[in-house]
PDB file of N, CA and C in Angstrom:
ATOM      1  N   MET A   1      32.325 -31.619 -39.179  1.00  0.00           N
ATOM      2  CA  MET A   1      31.433 -32.036 -38.098  1.00  0.00           C
ATOM      3  C   MET A   1      32.298 -32.388 -37.030  1.00  0.00           C
ATOM      4  N   ALA A   2      33.333 -33.150 -37.596  1.00  0.00           N
ATOM      5  CA  ALA A   2      33.991 -34.560 -36.376  1.00  0.00           C
ATOM      6  C   ALA A   2      34.469 -33.573 -35.635  1.00  0.00           C
ATOM      7  N   ASP A   3      35.131 -32.257 -35.466  1.00  0.00           N
ATOM      8  CA  ASP A   3      35.390 -31.087 -34.511  1.00  0.00           C
ATOM      9  C   ASP A   3      34.719 -31.108 -33.684  1.00  0.00           C
ATOM     10  N   GLN A   4      33.303 -30.776 -34.446  1.00  0.00           N
ATOM     11  CA  GLN A   4      32.361 -30.057 -33.214  1.00  0.00           C
ATOM     12  C   GLN A   4      31.268 -31.038 -32.428  1.00  0.00           C
ATOM     13  N   ALA A   5      31.018 -30.263 -31.423  1.00  0.00           N
ATOM     14  CA  ALA A   5      30.061 -31.336 -30.132  1.00  0.00           C
ATOM     15  C   ALA A   5      29.281 -31.189 -31.242  1.00  0.00           C
ATOM     16  N   LEU A   6      28.184 -32.293 -30.867  1.00  0.00           N
ATOM     17  CA  LEU A   6      26.441 -32.534 -31.214  1.00  0.00           C
ATOM     18  C   LEU A   6      25.690 -31.582 -30.670  1.00  0.00           C
ATOM     19  N   LYS A   7      25.055 -30.893 -30.529  1.00  0.00           N
ATOM     20  CA  LYS A   7      24.461 -29.751 -29.627  1.00  0.00           C
ATOM     21  C   LYS A   7      23.202 -30.217 -29.863  1.00  0.00           C
ATOM     22  N   VAL A   8      22.707 -30.366 -28.242  1.00  0.00           N
ATOM     23  CA  VAL A   8      21.348 -31.121 -28.310  1.00  0.00           C
ATOM     24  C   VAL A   8      20.627 -30.486 -27.389  1.00  0.00           C
ATOM     25  N   LEU A   9      18.962 -29.990 -27.839  1.00  0.00           N
ATOM     26  CA  LEU A   9      18.126 -29.903 -26.704  1.00  0.00           C
ATOM     27  C   LEU A   9      17.241 -30.869 -26.171  1.00  0.00           C
ATOM     28  N   VAL A  10      17.224 -31.003 -24.994  1.00  0.00           N
ATOM     29  CA  VAL A  10      15.830 -31.735 -24.757  1.00  0.00           C
ATOM     30  C   VAL A  10      15.164 -31.324 -24.165  1.00  0.00           C
ATOM     31  N   VAL A  11      13.524 -32.035 -24.510  1.00  0.00           N
ATOM     32  CA  VAL A  11      12.240 -31.603 -24.189  1.00  0.00           C
ATOM     33  C   VAL A  11      11.529 -32.545 -23.815  1.00  0.00           C
ATOM     34  N   ASP A  12      11.081 -32.126 -22.224  1.00  0.00           N
ATOM     35  CA  ASP A  12      10.376 -33.278 -21.635  1.00  0.00           C
ATOM     36  C   ASP A  12       9.809 -32.127 -20.514  1.00  0.00           C
ATOM     37  N   ASP A  13       8.089 -33.001 -20.188  1.00  0.00           N
ATOM     38  CA  ASP A  13       7.382 -31.654 -19.124  1.00  0.00           C
ATOM     39  C   ASP A  13       7.725 -32.445 -17.718  1.00  0.00           C
ATOM     40  N   GLU A  14       8.391 -33.763 -17.836  1.00  0.00           N
ATOM     41  CA  GLU A  14       9.159 -34.556 -16.402  1.00  0.00           C
ATOM     42  C   GLU A  14      10.201 -33.985 -15.901  1.00  0.00           C
ATOM     43  N   PRO A  15      10.300 -33.216 -15.043  1.00  0.00           N
ATOM     44  CA  PRO A  15      11.762 -32.925 -14.278  1.00  0.00           C
ATOM     45  C   PRO A  15      12.764 -34.155 -14.524  1.00  0.00           C
ATOM     46  N   LEU A  16      12.380 -34.730 -13.596  1.00  0.00           N
ATOM     47  CA  LEU A  16      13.058 -36.150 -13.265  1.00  0.00           C
ATOM     48  C   LEU A  16      13.709 -37.040 -14.855  1.00  0.00           C
ATOM     49  N   ALA A  17      12.809 -36.855 -15.703  1.00  0.00           N
ATOM     50  CA  ALA A  17      13.460 -37.226 -17.198  1.00  0.00           C
ATOM     51  C   ALA A  17      14.507 -36.394 -17.553  1.00  0.00           C
ATOM     52  N   THR A  18      13.834 -35.124 -17.293  1.00  0.00           N
ATOM     53  CA  THR A  18      15.047 -34.027 -18.207  1.00  0.00           C
ATOM     54  C   THR A  18      16.233 -34.178 -17.128  1.00  0.00           C
ATOM     55  N   GLU A  19      16.359 -34.180 -15.893  1.00  0.00           N
ATOM     56  CA  GLU A  19      17.365 -34.678 -15.206  1.00  0.00           C
ATOM     57  C   GLU A  19      18.250 -36.094 -15.392  1.00  0.00           C
ATOM     58  N   ARG A  20      17.551 -37.249 -15.611  1.00  0.00           N
ATOM     59  CA  ARG A  20      18.416 -38.193 -16.417  1.00  0.00           C
ATOM     60  C   ARG A  20      19.098 -37.832 -17.332  1.00  0.00           C
ATOM     61  N   LEU A  21      18.211 -37.142 -18.248  1.00  0.00           N
ATOM     62  CA  LEU A  21      18.685 -36.982 -19.832  1.00  0.00           C
ATOM     63  C   LEU A  21      20.169 -36.272 -19.529  1.00  0.00           C
ATOM     64  N   GLN A  22      20.339 -35.414 -18.710  1.00  0.00           N
ATOM     65  CA  GLN A  22      21.216 -34.209 -18.560  1.00  0.00           C
ATOM     66  C   GLN A  22      22.720 -35.386 -17.719  1.00  0.00           C
ATOM     67  N   LEU A  23      22.203 -35.906 -17.370  1.00  0.00           N
ATOM     68  CA  LEU A  23      23.285 -36.716 -16.675  1.00  0.00           C
ATOM     69  C   LEU A  23      23.804 -37.742 -17.705  1.00  0.00           C
ATOM     70  N   LEU A  24      22.842 -38.238 -18.279  1.00  0.00           N
ATOM     71  CA  LEU A  24      23.755 -39.017 -19.167  1.00  0.00           C
ATOM     72  C   LEU A  24      24.382 -38.290 -20.231  1.00  0.00           C
ATOM     73  N   LEU A  25      23.892 -37.644 -21.118  1.00  0.00           N
ATOM     74  CA  LEU A  25      24.358 -36.360 -21.858  1.00  0.00           C
ATOM     75  C   LEU A  25      25.882 -35.998 -21.388  1.00  0.00           C
ATOM     76  N   ALA A  26      26.078 -35.767 -19.980  1.00  0.00           N
ATOM     77  CA  ALA A  26      27.262 -35.092 -19.949  1.00  0.00           C
ATOM     78  C   ALA A  26      28.032 -35.894 -19.897  1.00  0.00           C
ATOM     79  N   ARG A  27      28.048 -37.460 -20.115  1.00  0.00           N
ATOM     80  CA  ARG A  27      28.785 -38.561 -20.100  1.00  0.00           C
ATOM     81  C   ARG A  27      29.027 -38.907 -21.294  1.00  0.00           C
ATOM     82  N   CYS A  28      28.728 -37.869 -22.113  1.00  0.00           N
ATOM     83  CA  CYS A  28      29.028 -38.516 -23.771  1.00  0.00           C
ATOM     84  C   CYS A  28      29.988 -37.582 -24.061  1.00  0.00           C
ATOM     85  N   ALA A  29      30.674 -37.826 -24.574  1.00  0.00           N
ATOM     86  CA  ALA A  29      31.805 -37.154 -24.843  1.00  0.00           C
ATOM     87  C   ALA A  29      31.341 -36.526 -26.784  1.00  0.00           C
ATOM     88  N   GLY A  30      31.534 -35.265 -26.891  1.00  0.00           N
ATOM     89  CA  GLY A  30      31.507 -34.825 -28.418  1.00  0.00           C
ATOM     90  C   GLY A  30      29.781 -34.245 -28.226  1.00  0.00           C
ATOM     91  N   VAL A  31      29.165 -34.659 -27.377  1.00  0.00           N
ATOM     92  CA  VAL A  31      27.518 -34.065 -27.191  1.00  0.00           C
ATOM     93  C   VAL A  31      27.760 -32.858 -26.067  1.00  0.00           C
ATOM     94  N   ASP A  32      27.344 -31.596 -26.394  1.00  0.00           N
ATOM     95  CA  ASP A  32      27.150 -30.222 -25.564  1.00  0.00           C
ATOM     96  C   ASP A  32      24.797 -30.206 -25.525  1.00  0.00           C
ATOM     97  N   LEU A  33      25.033 -30.109 -24.438  1.00  0.00           N
ATOM     98  CA  LEU A  33      23.754 -29.787 -24.150  1.00  0.00           C
ATOM     99  C   LEU A  33      23.373 -28.158 -24.360  1.00  0.00           C
ATOM    100  N   VAL A  34      22.731 -27.862 -25.202  1.00  0.00           N
ATOM    101  CA  VAL A  34      22.275 -26.584 -25.145  1.00  0.00           C
ATOM    102  C   VAL A  34      21.441 -25.896 -24.692  1.00  0.00           C
ATOM    103  N   GLY A  35      20.193 -27.006 -24.140  1.00  0.00           N
ATOM    104  CA  GLY A  35      19.238 -26.039 -23.159  1.00  0.00           C
ATOM    105  C   GLY A  35      18.248 -27.356 -23.197  1.00  0.00           C
ATOM    106  N   THR A  36      17.231 -27.107 -22.533  1.00  0.00           N
ATOM    107  CA  THR A  36      15.965 -27.653 -21.842  1.00  0.00           C
ATOM    108  C   THR A  36      15.005 -26.899 -22.027  1.00  0.00           C
ATOM    109  N   ALA A  37      13.867 -27.619 -22.712  1.00  0.00           N
ATOM    110  CA  ALA A  37      12.585 -27.101 -22.279  1.00  0.00           C
ATOM    111  C   ALA A  37      11.486 -27.982 -22.085  1.00  0.00           C
ATOM    112  N   SER A  38      10.528 -27.629 -20.924  1.00  0.00           N
ATOM    113  CA  SER A  38       9.478 -28.330 -20.180  1.00  0.00           C
ATOM    114  C   SER A  38       8.023 -28.138 -20.845  1.00  0.00           C
ATOM    115  N   ASP A  39       8.170 -27.428 -22.144  1.00  0.00           N
ATOM    116  CA  ASP A  39       6.568 -27.430 -23.016  1.00  0.00           C
ATOM    117  C   ASP A  39       7.174 -27.485 -24.433  1.00  0.00           C
ATOM    118  N   GLY A  40       6.012 -27.658 -25.376  1.00  0.00           N
ATOM    119  CA  GLY A  40       6.243 -27.836 -26.664  1.00  0.00           C
ATOM    120  C   GLY A  40       6.808 -26.333 -27.188  1.00  0.00           C
ATOM    121  N   GLU A  41       5.985 -25.330 -26.364  1.00  0.00           N
ATOM    122  CA  GLU A  41       5.864 -24.129 -27.555  1.00  0.00           C
ATOM    123  C   GLU A  41       7.448 -23.442 -26.965  1.00  0.00           C
ATOM    124  N   GLY A  42       8.292 -23.791 -25.933  1.00  0.00           N
ATOM    125  CA  GLY A  42       9.402 -23.282 -25.397  1.00  0.00           C
ATOM    126  C   GLY A  42      10.404 -23.973 -26.096  1.00  0.00           C
ATOM    127  N   ALA A  43       9.821 -25.202 -26.467  1.00  0.00           N
ATOM    128  CA  ALA A  43      10.865 -26.224 -27.673  1.00  0.00           C
ATOM    129  C   ALA A  43      11.332 -25.284 -28.758  1.00  0.00           C
ATOM    130  N   VAL A  44      10.094 -25.373 -29.622  1.00  0.00           N
ATOM    131  CA  VAL A  44      10.144 -24.402 -30.689  1.00  0.00           C
ATOM    132  C   VAL A  44      11.197 -23.005 -31.065  1.00  0.00           C
ATOM    133  N   ARG A  45      10.645 -22.629 -29.763  1.00  0.00           N
ATOM    134  CA  ARG A  45      11.468 -21.174 -29.708  1.00  0.00           C
ATOM    135  C   ARG A  45      12.770 -21.298 -29.219  1.00  0.00           C
ATOM    136  N   MET A  46      13.044 -22.419 -28.506  1.00  0.00           N
ATOM    137  CA  MET A  46      14.731 -22.637 -28.043  1.00  0.00           C
ATOM    138  C   MET A  46      15.275 -23.283 -29.352  1.00  0.00           C
ATOM    139  N   ALA A  47      14.361 -23.840 -30.140  1.00  0.00           N
ATOM    140  CA  ALA A  47      15.297 -24.611 -31.444  1.00  0.00           C
ATOM    141  C   ALA A  47      15.520 -23.676 -32.579  1.00  0.00           C
ATOM    142  N   HIS A  48      14.385 -22.109 -32.535  1.00  0.00           N
ATOM    143  CA  HIS A  48      15.026 -21.616 -33.720  1.00  0.00           C
ATOM    144  C   HIS A  48      15.684 -20.447 -33.418  1.00  0.00           C
ATOM    145  N   ALA A  49      16.560 -20.281 -31.787  1.00  0.00           N
ATOM    146  CA  ALA A  49      17.111 -19.611 -31.010  1.00  0.00           C
ATOM    147  C   ALA A  49      18.350 -20.197 -31.221  1.00  0.00           C
ATOM    148  N   LEU A  50      18.385 -21.426 -30.886  1.00  0.00           N
ATOM    149  CA  LEU A  50      19.898 -22.327 -30.324  1.00  0.00           C
ATOM    150  C   LEU A  50      20.215 -22.962 -31.624  1.00  0.00           C
ATOM    151  N   SER A  51      19.170 -23.666 -32.958  1.00  0.00           N
ATOM    152  CA  SER A  51      19.730 -24.249 -33.921  1.00  0.00           C
ATOM    153  C   SER A  51      20.525 -25.649 -33.508  1.00  0.00           C
ATOM    154  N   PRO A  52      20.171 -26.272 -32.710  1.00  0.00           N
ATOM    155  CA  PRO A  52      20.572 -27.600 -32.242  1.00  0.00           C
ATOM    156  C   PRO A  52      20.380 -28.654 -33.301  1.00  0.00           C
ATOM    157  N   ASP A  53      21.613 -29.770 -33.106  1.00  0.00           N
ATOM    158  CA  ASP A  53      21.489 -30.623 -33.822  1.00  0.00           C
ATOM    159  C   ASP A  53      20.521 -31.772 -33.948  1.00  0.00           C
ATOM    160  N   LEU A  54      19.864 -31.660 -32.517  1.00  0.00           N
ATOM    161  CA  LEU A  54      19.543 -33.138 -32.199  1.00  0.00           C
ATOM    162  C   LEU A  54      18.501 -32.391 -31.053  1.00  0.00           C
ATOM    163  N   LEU A  55      17.349 -32.801 -31.365  1.00  0.00           N
ATOM    164  CA  LEU A  55      16.243 -32.208 -30.124  1.00  0.00           C
ATOM    165  C   LEU A  55      15.955 -33.836 -29.502  1.00  0.00           C
ATOM    166  N   LEU A  56      15.855 -34.175 -28.220  1.00  0.00           N
ATOM    167  CA  LEU A  56      15.118 -35.208 -27.791  1.00  0.00           C
ATOM    168  C   LEU A  56      14.239 -34.816 -27.590  1.00  0.00           C
ATOM    169  N   LEU A  57      12.708 -35.736 -27.798  1.00  0.00           N
ATOM    170  CA  LEU A  57      11.534 -34.750 -27.476  1.00  0.00           C
ATOM    171  C   LEU A  57      10.633 -36.167 -26.815  1.00  0.00           C
ATOM    172  N   ASP A  58      10.342 -35.602 -25.997  1.00  0.00           N
ATOM    173  CA  ASP A  58       9.000 -36.527 -25.162  1.00  0.00           C
ATOM    174  C   ASP A  58       7.721 -35.937 -26.263  1.00  0.00           C
ATOM    175  N   ILE A  59       7.513 -37.268 -26.353  1.00  0.00           N
ATOM    176  CA  ILE A  59       6.192 -37.320 -27.313  1.00  0.00           C
ATOM    177  C   ILE A  59       4.767 -36.919 -26.635  1.00  0.00           C
ATOM    178  N   ALA A  60       4.450 -37.402 -25.252  1.00  0.00           N
ATOM    179  CA  ALA A  60       3.066 -36.906 -24.693  1.00  0.00           C
ATOM    180  C   ALA A  60       3.585 -35.792 -23.769  1.00  0.00           C
ATOM    181  N   MET A  61       3.159 -34.927 -23.966  1.00  0.00           N
ATOM    182  CA  MET A  61       3.329 -33.472 -23.659  1.00  0.00           C
ATOM    183  C   MET A  61       2.012 -32.549 -23.802  1.00  0.00           C
ATOM    184  N   PRO A  62       1.466 -32.009 -22.501  1.00  0.00           N
ATOM    185  CA  PRO A  62       0.618 -30.811 -22.580  1.00  0.00           C
ATOM    186  C   PRO A  62       0.583 -29.939 -23.831  1.00  0.00           C
ATOM    187  N   GLY A  63      -0.494 -29.323 -24.361  1.00  0.00           N
ATOM    188  CA  GLY A  63      -0.215 -28.579 -25.624  1.00  0.00           C
ATOM    189  C   GLY A  63       0.415 -29.335 -26.565  1.00  0.00           C
ATOM    190  N   LEU A  64       1.649 -28.224 -27.118  1.00  0.00           N
ATOM    191  CA  LEU A  64       2.427 -29.134 -28.445  1.00  0.00           C
ATOM    192  C   LEU A  64       3.136 -30.135 -28.132  1.00  0.00           C
ATOM    193  N   ASP A  65       2.923 -31.295 -28.484  1.00  0.00           N
ATOM    194  CA  ASP A  65       3.432 -32.520 -28.082  1.00  0.00           C
ATOM    195  C   ASP A  65       5.069 -32.736 -28.989  1.00  0.00           C
ATOM    196  N   GLY A  66       5.313 -33.545 -28.577  1.00  0.00           N
ATOM    197  CA  GLY A  66       6.810 -33.912 -29.459  1.00  0.00           C
ATOM    198  C   GLY A  66       6.748 -34.239 -30.648  1.00  0.00           C
ATOM    199  N   ILE A  67       5.579 -34.962 -30.981  1.00  0.00           N
ATOM    200  CA  ILE A  67       5.144 -34.816 -32.721  1.00  0.00           C
ATOM    201  C   ILE A  67       4.975 -33.519 -33.469  1.00  0.00           C
ATOM    202  N   ASP A  68       3.973 -32.819 -32.564  1.00  0.00           N
ATOM    203  CA  ASP A  68       3.721 -31.284 -32.901  1.00  0.00           C
ATOM    204  C   ASP A  68       5.173 -30.464 -33.135  1.00  0.00           C
ATOM    205  N   VAL A  69       6.198 -30.461 -32.269  1.00  0.00           N
ATOM    206  CA  VAL A  69       7.339 -29.595 -32.131  1.00  0.00           C
ATOM    207  C   VAL A  69       8.258 -30.427 -33.488  1.00  0.00           C
ATOM    208  N   ALA A  70       8.115 -32.005 -33.733  1.00  0.00           N
ATOM    209  CA  ALA A  70       9.033 -32.096 -34.763  1.00  0.00           C
ATOM    210  C   ALA A  70       8.648 -31.460 -36.238  1.00  0.00           C
ATOM    211  N   ARG A  71       7.283 -31.526 -36.033  1.00  0.00           N
ATOM    212  CA  ARG A  71       6.611 -30.804 -37.387  1.00  0.00           C
ATOM    213  C   ARG A  71       6.960 -29.484 -37.635  1.00  0.00           C
ATOM    214  N   ALA A  72       6.882 -28.777 -36.552  1.00  0.00           N
ATOM    215  CA  ALA A  72       7.434 -27.479 -36.793  1.00  0.00           C
ATOM    216  C   ALA A  72       8.759 -26.969 -36.680  1.00  0.00           C
TER     217      ALA A  72
END
């Protein structure tokens, strides 16, 4: 996996937090932001479809929160 970028999915219901994480991840070599989701249900669907290596999850979200997404 040393040759491959780390695939990251960002999940946060706060647009400014998502934007900030996108900017920070863009500066990291070896990281590929594969998507963003603004709710837990979307995050689960995207995780199944994209198979990211890492999910950055907001803990407090309406509906499925970050802990629920991690469990799913």
